[in-house]
């Protein structure tokens, strides 16, 4: 091996970005593979992060810029790991790079190509709260600020003679002939930072998501409050009005998952600030099974959030029904009494679960999965296969601070292991 290691980082969320920048600073060459077209992961969709309610974009954007401009970091967006085989003391990794159909070196991110596109679909990054075109960036401020064309949606790839986006581009950045390609990369070690995801609550009828008016999950509220979101930071209902009463339901889907995700309580408490920032007189009710408050900072945050008069309700059977076009929460209170609570809006905190790509990626990498579907790790953040490390939500539910701390710890382990192998 060379004196400076080469490392593959899988996932460009908070943990993956932090690890990549730390490795680069230590002199390593980093190949950062990200399945989406942007960096920042789920956290880049937030407006604020607890406990200090720091602006998430202000915190992450400089890191994203540093990442994309770092000569030691090769950022491979719209890319997937297809195969891994050992070679000597390292690995040969096969990465499939999907076609973007837009030349990043020619595109200036002006967005002139969006409006002429004749087709639209729900925007996944905006949690279905807005529409996007076949050529798009997922949200305002996404980095890199280079659009991609959704081949499944673009009518040109389905027999129609359309080149509206190409005709609108003054910089000749659109290239319909671009092909996906597979590349092989030799690395000394691998870091898995693919994160976790919220549970899909739509199959659970008791929560009313997508069936009862004005029921939203937590990431949808994050996008409603975000200044770069579909409503420009205004928390409004689908009729454009501001909610005057809100029920926030913790632990949604916990019974099915069989475990506490650990971080949901804190981000749902954060929503107290979101609502009060927009409507100080809003009536807030938080329904929870158990309240997980980890540490002194979290305790201070909890006390601050409920000081505004939030109605804290302990129950383990909250469900949502449609009452004359408004959501009604039915629950049993601590005394055993059946209660009903009709509000303007309901926010659900879904349980966290392994990212949908975790099982397939683990099989490709040849590493073990734990009993809850997350990647199995030991105390040194090592996977079951030597040379492969795991951080953040890939190993279990984590908040931003814990994910960043694990990135630091894993980088130290990786660099230490490299030095040992060099001896």
Protein backbone atom coordinates (compact mmCIF):
# COMPACT_ATOMS: atom_id res chain seq x y z
CA UNK A 1 0.00 0.00 0.00
CA UNK A 2 0.97 3.63 -0.47
CA UNK A 3 1.72 5.84 2.53
CA UNK A 4 -1.57 7.67 1.95
CA UNK A 5 -4.55 5.29 2.01
CA UNK A 6 -7.40 5.26 -0.47
CA UNK A 7 -10.85 4.90 1.06
CA UNK A 8 -14.34 4.28 -0.29
CA UNK A 9 -17.09 6.10 1.61
CA UNK A 10 -20.64 4.97 0.81
CA UNK A 11 -23.22 7.66 1.54
CA UNK A 12 -22.86 11.46 1.40
CA UNK A 13 -25.00 12.30 4.40
CA UNK A 14 -23.72 14.05 7.52
CA UNK A 15 -21.53 11.13 8.66
CA UNK A 16 -20.19 10.35 5.18
CA UNK A 17 -19.30 13.97 4.46
CA UNK A 18 -17.61 14.44 7.83
CA UNK A 19 -15.57 11.26 7.43
CA UNK A 20 -14.57 12.19 3.87
CA UNK A 21 -13.33 15.63 4.89
CA UNK A 22 -11.42 14.23 7.87
CA UNK A 23 -9.80 11.54 5.73
CA UNK A 24 -8.81 14.11 3.11
CA UNK A 25 -7.28 16.34 5.76
CA UNK A 26 -5.20 13.34 6.87
CA UNK A 27 -3.93 12.95 3.30
CA UNK A 28 -6.15 10.08 2.17
CA UNK A 29 -7.70 9.81 -1.28
CA UNK A 30 -11.48 9.47 -0.87
CA UNK A 31 -13.99 8.04 -3.32
CA UNK A 32 -17.42 9.12 -2.07
CA UNK A 33 -20.33 7.17 -3.58
CA UNK A 34 -23.84 8.62 -3.24
CA UNK A 35 -26.99 7.13 -4.78
CA UNK A 36 -28.85 10.47 -5.08
CA UNK A 37 -27.90 13.47 -7.19
CA UNK A 38 -27.04 15.62 -4.15
CA UNK A 39 -24.96 15.58 -0.97
CA UNK A 40 -26.12 16.16 2.60
CA UNK A 41 -28.43 13.20 3.11
CA UNK A 42 -31.67 13.59 5.06
CA UNK A 43 -30.30 16.33 7.33
CA UNK A 44 -29.95 18.76 4.44
CA UNK A 45 -33.76 18.73 4.21
CA UNK A 46 -34.06 20.17 7.75
CA UNK A 47 -34.40 23.85 8.62
CA UNK A 48 -32.97 23.53 12.15
CA UNK A 49 -31.24 20.91 14.28
CA UNK A 50 -31.56 20.48 18.03
CA UNK A 51 -30.60 21.18 20.78
CA UNK A 52 -29.38 24.64 19.74
CA UNK A 53 -31.83 24.97 16.82
CA UNK A 54 -28.91 25.78 14.56
CA UNK A 55 -29.70 26.49 10.92
CA UNK A 56 -29.09 23.16 9.19
CA UNK A 57 -28.34 24.72 5.81
CA UNK A 58 -25.89 27.19 7.36
CA UNK A 59 -24.15 24.28 9.07
CA UNK A 60 -24.07 21.91 6.10
CA UNK A 61 -23.62 24.10 3.01
CA UNK A 62 -20.01 25.09 3.80
CA UNK A 63 -19.20 21.41 4.38
CA UNK A 64 -20.82 20.47 1.09
CA UNK A 65 -18.85 23.15 -0.76
CA UNK A 66 -15.61 22.03 0.88
CA UNK A 67 -16.40 18.46 -0.08
CA UNK A 68 -17.12 19.22 -3.74
CA UNK A 69 -14.02 21.40 -4.09
CA UNK A 70 -11.58 19.11 -2.25
CA UNK A 71 -9.00 17.70 -4.69
CA UNK A 72 -8.61 14.58 -2.53
CA UNK A 73 -12.31 13.72 -2.71
CA UNK A 74 -13.95 12.23 -5.77
CA UNK A 75 -17.70 12.69 -5.30
CA UNK A 76 -19.62 10.12 -7.35
CA UNK A 77 -23.29 11.10 -7.16
CA UNK A 78 -26.04 9.03 -8.81
CA UNK A 79 -23.79 6.04 -8.19
CA UNK A 80 -24.10 2.60 -6.60
CA UNK A 81 -21.65 -0.05 -5.39
CA UNK A 82 -22.12 -3.11 -7.60
CA UNK A 83 -19.40 -5.43 -6.38
CA UNK A 84 -16.48 -5.83 -3.99
CA UNK A 85 -13.62 -8.30 -4.06
CA UNK A 86 -10.48 -8.53 -1.99
CA UNK A 87 -7.09 -7.88 -3.50
CA UNK A 88 -4.05 -8.11 -1.26
CA UNK A 89 -4.79 -6.11 1.88
CA UNK A 90 -7.42 -4.00 0.17
CA UNK A 91 -10.47 -4.18 -2.08
CA UNK A 92 -11.42 -3.71 -5.71
CA UNK A 93 -14.82 -2.00 -5.78
CA UNK A 94 -17.05 -1.83 -8.85
CA UNK A 95 -19.17 1.33 -8.94
CA UNK A 96 -22.03 1.91 -11.38
CA UNK A 97 -22.37 5.57 -12.35
CA UNK A 98 -25.84 6.38 -13.67
CA UNK A 99 -26.21 8.76 -16.58
CA UNK A 100 -27.12 12.31 -15.51
CA UNK A 101 -27.70 13.43 -19.12
CA UNK A 102 -26.36 16.84 -18.09
CA UNK A 103 -22.70 17.85 -18.37
CA UNK A 104 -21.63 19.30 -14.98
CA UNK A 105 -18.72 21.14 -16.58
CA UNK A 106 -21.07 23.02 -18.94
CA UNK A 107 -24.11 23.54 -16.70
CA UNK A 108 -24.25 26.74 -14.63
CA UNK A 109 -27.39 25.74 -12.69
CA UNK A 110 -29.56 28.50 -14.14
CA UNK A 111 -32.69 26.33 -14.22
CA UNK A 112 -33.82 27.51 -17.67
CA UNK A 113 -34.40 23.87 -18.67
CA UNK A 114 -37.06 23.13 -16.04
CA UNK A 115 -40.19 25.00 -17.16
CA UNK A 116 -40.14 23.82 -20.81
CA UNK A 117 -40.27 20.17 -19.70
CA UNK A 118 -43.82 18.92 -20.47
CA UNK A 119 -44.09 16.27 -17.74
CA UNK A 120 -44.26 16.40 -13.95
CA UNK A 121 -44.26 14.00 -11.00
CA UNK A 122 -44.38 14.26 -7.20
CA UNK A 123 -41.05 15.50 -5.85
CA UNK A 124 -39.58 12.78 -3.60
CA UNK A 125 -37.10 15.12 -1.90
CA UNK A 126 -39.96 17.47 -1.02
CA UNK A 127 -41.84 14.48 0.43
CA UNK A 128 -44.53 14.68 -2.25
CA UNK A 129 -45.57 18.21 -1.26
CA UNK A 130 -44.69 19.66 -4.68
CA UNK A 131 -44.14 18.60 -8.26
CA UNK A 132 -40.89 18.29 -10.19
CA UNK A 133 -40.07 17.98 -13.87
CA UNK A 134 -38.27 15.11 -15.61
CA UNK A 135 -35.17 17.34 -15.58
CA UNK A 136 -34.71 18.77 -12.12
CA UNK A 137 -32.67 19.43 -9.03
CA UNK A 138 -34.43 17.90 -6.00
CA UNK A 139 -34.79 21.19 -4.08
CA UNK A 140 -33.51 24.74 -4.07
CA UNK A 141 -29.95 24.81 -2.76
CA UNK A 142 -29.15 21.18 -3.58
CA UNK A 143 -25.43 20.65 -4.10
CA UNK A 144 -24.04 20.01 -6.61
CA UNK A 145 -26.42 22.45 -8.30
CA UNK A 146 -26.60 20.42 -11.48
CA UNK A 147 -29.89 18.90 -12.69
CA UNK A 148 -30.36 15.35 -13.85
CA UNK A 149 -32.92 13.80 -16.16
CA UNK A 150 -35.21 11.10 -14.80
CA UNK A 151 -35.10 8.53 -17.58
CA UNK A 152 -38.28 6.83 -16.33
CA UNK A 153 -40.22 10.09 -16.57
CA UNK A 154 -38.65 11.76 -19.62
CA UNK A 155 -40.87 11.16 -22.67
CA UNK A 156 -37.86 11.27 -24.99
CA UNK A 157 -36.80 7.88 -23.60
CA UNK A 158 -40.30 6.52 -24.25
CA UNK A 159 -40.59 7.12 -27.97
CA UNK A 160 -41.45 10.84 -28.13
CA UNK A 161 -39.37 13.35 -30.10
CA UNK A 162 -38.95 15.87 -27.27
CA UNK A 163 -35.87 17.97 -26.62
CA UNK A 164 -37.48 20.94 -24.90
CA UNK A 165 -34.86 21.09 -22.17
CA UNK A 166 -32.01 20.91 -24.66
CA UNK A 167 -33.45 23.73 -26.74
CA UNK A 168 -33.80 25.87 -23.60
CA UNK A 169 -30.16 25.38 -22.54
CA UNK A 170 -27.89 28.16 -23.83
CA UNK A 171 -24.78 26.27 -22.68
CA UNK A 172 -25.32 22.99 -24.56
CA UNK A 173 -25.14 21.05 -21.30
CA UNK A 174 -27.86 18.51 -22.16
CA UNK A 175 -26.55 15.23 -23.58
CA UNK A 176 -29.20 12.59 -24.29
CA UNK A 177 -26.54 10.16 -25.51
CA UNK A 178 -24.80 9.90 -22.14
CA UNK A 179 -24.57 6.30 -20.91
CA UNK A 180 -24.20 4.76 -17.47
CA UNK A 181 -20.81 3.22 -16.84
CA UNK A 182 -19.08 0.92 -14.39
CA UNK A 183 -15.67 1.76 -12.95
CA UNK A 184 -13.32 -0.19 -10.72
CA UNK A 185 -11.64 1.52 -7.80
CA UNK A 186 -8.90 0.06 -5.61
CA UNK A 187 -9.18 1.05 -1.96
CA UNK A 188 -7.57 0.07 1.32
CA UNK A 189 -10.75 0.29 3.39
CA UNK A 190 -14.47 1.01 3.14
CA UNK A 191 -16.77 3.13 5.29
CA UNK A 192 -20.53 2.53 5.16
CA UNK A 193 -22.55 5.66 5.98
CA UNK A 194 -25.85 5.01 4.24
CA UNK A 195 -28.06 6.25 7.08
CA UNK A 196 -31.56 5.19 8.03
CA UNK A 197 -35.03 6.21 6.92
CA UNK A 198 -38.45 6.85 8.42
CA UNK A 199 -40.92 4.01 8.39
CA UNK A 200 -43.66 4.18 5.76
CA UNK A 201 -46.83 4.61 7.81
CA UNK A 202 -49.29 4.53 4.92
CA UNK A 203 -50.07 0.80 5.34
CA UNK A 204 -51.02 1.43 9.00
CA UNK A 205 -54.59 2.68 8.67
CA UNK A 206 -54.79 3.85 12.29
CA UNK A 207 -52.58 6.86 11.56
CA UNK A 208 -54.56 8.18 8.59
CA UNK A 209 -51.52 9.21 6.55
CA UNK A 210 -52.73 9.90 2.99
CA UNK A 211 -56.32 9.01 3.95
CA UNK A 212 -57.26 11.62 6.59
CA UNK A 213 -56.96 15.32 5.65
CA UNK A 214 -54.06 17.29 7.13
CA UNK A 215 -52.06 14.35 8.49
CA UNK A 216 -48.33 14.68 7.78
CA UNK A 217 -45.20 12.80 8.72
CA UNK A 218 -42.20 14.51 10.31
CA UNK A 219 -40.14 15.02 7.14
CA UNK A 220 -43.10 16.68 5.46
CA UNK A 221 -43.25 19.21 8.29
CA UNK A 222 -39.50 19.77 7.99
CA UNK A 223 -40.01 20.73 4.35
CA UNK A 224 -43.00 22.96 5.15
CA UNK A 225 -40.90 24.90 7.67
CA UNK A 226 -37.77 25.05 5.48
CA UNK A 227 -37.12 28.39 3.78
CA UNK A 228 -36.12 26.52 0.61
CA UNK A 229 -39.12 24.20 0.84
CA UNK A 230 -42.34 24.05 -1.20
CA UNK A 231 -44.14 26.68 0.94
CA UNK A 232 -41.10 28.95 1.47
CA UNK A 233 -41.06 28.25 5.19
CA UNK A 234 -44.75 28.81 5.88
CA UNK A 235 -46.46 26.00 7.78
CA UNK A 236 -49.78 25.93 6.01
CA UNK A 237 -52.48 23.37 5.39
CA UNK A 238 -53.48 22.29 1.91
CA UNK A 239 -56.06 25.10 1.78
CA UNK A 240 -53.30 27.62 2.47
CA UNK A 241 -54.48 28.42 6.00
CA UNK A 242 -52.28 28.34 9.11
CA UNK A 243 -53.21 25.57 11.61
CA UNK A 244 -54.47 26.83 14.97
CA UNK A 245 -54.38 23.45 16.74
CA UNK A 246 -51.91 20.61 16.19
CA UNK A 247 -51.45 17.10 17.58
CA UNK A 248 -47.93 15.66 17.43
CA UNK A 249 -47.91 11.88 17.78
CA UNK A 250 -44.71 10.22 18.98
CA UNK A 251 -43.72 6.58 18.48
CA UNK A 252 -45.75 6.00 15.30
CA UNK A 253 -45.10 2.46 14.14
CA UNK A 254 -43.16 1.53 17.26
CA UNK A 255 -45.39 -1.49 17.93
CA UNK A 256 -44.54 -2.93 14.51
CA UNK A 257 -40.80 -2.25 14.87
CA UNK A 258 -40.58 -3.49 18.44
CA UNK A 259 -38.03 -0.91 19.57
CA UNK A 260 -37.66 2.77 20.45
CA UNK A 261 -35.81 4.71 17.76
CA UNK A 262 -34.35 7.00 20.42
CA UNK A 263 -34.22 10.24 18.41
CA UNK A 264 -37.87 10.78 17.44
CA UNK A 265 -38.88 12.44 20.72
CA UNK A 266 -36.32 15.18 20.32
CA UNK A 267 -37.14 16.10 16.76
CA UNK A 268 -40.87 16.08 17.48
CA UNK A 269 -40.25 18.37 20.46
CA UNK A 270 -38.32 20.62 18.07
CA UNK A 271 -41.55 21.10 16.14
CA UNK A 272 -42.89 23.07 19.12
CA UNK A 273 -40.44 25.79 18.09
CA UNK A 274 -41.41 25.47 14.44
CA UNK A 275 -45.10 26.05 15.12
CA UNK A 276 -44.63 28.78 17.71
CA UNK A 277 -42.23 30.64 15.42
CA UNK A 278 -45.00 30.91 12.84
CA UNK A 279 -48.04 31.14 15.13
CA UNK A 280 -47.29 31.96 18.81
CA UNK A 281 -50.86 31.22 19.88
CA UNK A 282 -51.06 27.78 18.30
CA UNK A 283 -52.53 25.03 20.50
CA UNK A 284 -50.09 22.10 20.71
CA UNK A 285 -50.68 18.57 22.00
CA UNK A 286 -47.93 15.94 22.15
CA UNK A 287 -49.02 12.32 22.55
CA UNK A 288 -46.29 9.90 23.56
CA UNK A 289 -45.69 6.39 24.88
CA UNK A 290 -42.35 7.10 26.58
CA UNK A 291 -40.30 10.30 26.47
CA UNK A 292 -36.65 9.67 25.57
CA UNK A 293 -34.54 12.62 26.77
CA UNK A 294 -30.83 11.69 26.44
CA UNK A 295 -28.54 13.88 28.56
CA UNK A 296 -28.49 17.33 30.15
CA UNK A 297 -28.63 19.31 26.89
CA UNK A 298 -31.65 17.33 25.80
CA UNK A 299 -33.32 17.84 29.19
CA UNK A 300 -32.85 21.62 28.95
CA UNK A 301 -34.24 21.51 25.41
CA UNK A 302 -37.24 19.50 26.59
CA UNK A 303 -38.02 21.94 29.41
CA UNK A 304 -37.71 24.90 27.07
CA UNK A 305 -39.99 23.37 24.46
CA UNK A 306 -42.84 22.49 26.85
CA UNK A 307 -42.58 25.81 28.73
CA UNK A 308 -44.83 27.42 26.15
CA UNK A 309 -47.80 25.45 27.43
CA UNK A 310 -47.72 22.31 25.30
CA UNK A 311 -50.28 19.72 26.41
CA UNK A 312 -48.26 16.55 27.11
CA UNK A 313 -50.42 13.41 26.88
CA UNK A 314 -49.15 9.93 27.74
CA UNK A 315 -50.92 7.19 25.81
CA UNK A 316 -50.07 4.05 23.90
CA UNK A 317 -53.05 3.77 21.57
CA UNK A 318 -53.37 7.03 19.60
CA UNK A 319 -55.13 6.71 16.28
CA UNK A 320 -56.48 9.23 13.77
CA UNK A 321 -59.89 9.39 12.11
CA UNK A 322 -61.62 11.79 9.73
CA UNK A 323 -64.27 13.92 11.45
CA UNK A 324 -66.06 16.20 8.99
CA UNK A 325 -62.87 16.87 7.05
CA UNK A 326 -60.67 17.41 10.12
CA UNK A 327 -58.32 14.93 11.83
CA UNK A 328 -59.52 13.59 15.16
CA UNK A 329 -57.10 11.79 17.49
CA UNK A 330 -58.66 9.04 19.60
CA UNK A 331 -56.67 7.81 22.60
CA UNK A 332 -56.82 6.42 26.12
CA UNK A 333 -55.40 8.74 28.79
CA UNK A 334 -53.34 7.80 31.86
CA UNK A 335 -56.50 7.22 33.95
CA UNK A 336 -57.94 4.79 31.42
CA UNK A 337 -60.51 7.23 30.02
CA UNK A 338 -61.26 7.26 26.28
CA UNK A 339 -60.60 10.70 24.80
CA UNK A 340 -61.03 12.48 21.48
CA UNK A 341 -59.05 15.45 20.23
CA UNK A 342 -60.09 17.23 17.03
CA UNK A 343 -57.37 19.47 15.59
CA UNK A 344 -56.42 21.25 12.37
CA UNK A 345 -53.25 19.25 11.74
CA UNK A 346 -51.60 16.03 12.89
CA UNK A 347 -47.84 15.40 12.71
CA UNK A 348 -46.56 11.83 13.01
CA UNK A 349 -43.08 10.82 14.17
CA UNK A 350 -42.47 7.54 12.33
CA UNK A 351 -40.12 4.96 13.75
CA UNK A 352 -36.71 4.85 12.11
CA UNK A 353 -35.66 1.78 10.18
CA UNK A 354 -32.67 0.68 8.08
CA UNK A 355 -32.39 2.38 4.73
CA UNK A 356 -34.02 0.38 1.95
CA UNK A 357 -30.63 -0.25 0.33
CA UNK A 358 -29.02 -1.69 3.48
CA UNK A 359 -29.71 -5.41 2.99
CA UNK A 360 -28.61 -5.45 -0.67
CA UNK A 361 -25.50 -3.40 0.07
CA UNK A 362 -24.55 -5.65 3.00
CA UNK A 363 -24.83 -8.67 0.71
CA UNK A 364 -22.62 -6.96 -1.89
CA UNK A 365 -20.04 -6.03 0.73
CA UNK A 366 -20.18 -9.43 2.44
CA UNK A 367 -21.00 -8.00 5.88
CA UNK A 368 -23.52 -9.17 8.48
CA UNK A 369 -26.88 -7.63 9.28
CA UNK A 370 -28.11 -7.44 12.88
CA UNK A 371 -31.47 -8.63 14.16
CA UNK A 372 -33.22 -5.31 13.48
CA UNK A 373 -31.96 -5.04 9.93
CA UNK A 374 -29.15 -2.57 10.59
CA UNK A 375 -25.53 -3.40 9.81
CA UNK A 376 -23.88 -5.34 12.62
CA UNK A 377 -20.89 -3.56 14.17
CA UNK A 378 -18.52 -4.06 17.09
CA UNK A 379 -17.31 -1.43 19.57
CA UNK A 380 -14.68 -0.17 17.15
CA UNK A 381 -17.31 0.59 14.49
CA UNK A 382 -15.98 -2.37 12.51
CA UNK A 383 -18.28 -4.57 10.47
CA UNK A 384 -18.02 -8.35 10.42
CA UNK A 385 -15.57 -8.09 7.49
CA UNK A 386 -12.09 -6.70 8.22
CA UNK A 387 -11.43 -3.38 6.54
CA UNK A 388 -15.08 -2.32 6.39
CA UNK A 389 -16.40 0.17 8.95
CA UNK A 390 -19.91 1.45 9.67
CA UNK A 391 -21.09 4.79 11.09
CA UNK A 392 -24.27 6.73 11.72
CA UNK A 393 -27.75 5.52 10.88
CA UNK A 394 -26.48 2.51 8.92
CA UNK A 395 -25.80 0.83 12.27
CA UNK A 396 -28.91 2.09 14.09
CA UNK A 397 -30.98 5.24 14.71
CA UNK A 398 -28.70 8.26 15.33
CA UNK A 399 -29.06 12.01 15.53
CA UNK A 400 -26.73 14.46 13.75
CA UNK A 401 -24.34 14.93 16.67
CA UNK A 402 -23.90 11.20 17.27
CA UNK A 403 -23.39 10.52 13.56
CA UNK A 404 -20.65 13.15 13.36
CA UNK A 405 -18.97 11.79 16.51
CA UNK A 406 -18.97 8.29 15.04
CA UNK A 407 -17.43 9.61 11.82
CA UNK A 408 -14.51 11.00 13.83
CA UNK A 409 -14.09 7.74 15.73
CA UNK A 410 -14.22 5.60 12.61
CA UNK A 411 -11.67 7.73 10.76
CA UNK A 412 -9.30 7.39 13.70
CA UNK A 413 -9.78 3.59 13.63
CA UNK A 414 -9.24 3.44 9.86
CA UNK A 415 -6.08 5.52 9.89
CA UNK A 416 -4.73 3.56 12.83
CA UNK A 417 -5.44 0.30 11.03
CA UNK A 418 -3.71 1.57 7.90
CA UNK A 419 -0.58 2.50 9.85
CA UNK A 420 -0.55 -0.94 11.47
CA UNK A 421 -0.82 -2.60 8.05
CA UNK A 422 2.08 -0.52 6.76
CA UNK A 423 4.45 -1.79 9.43
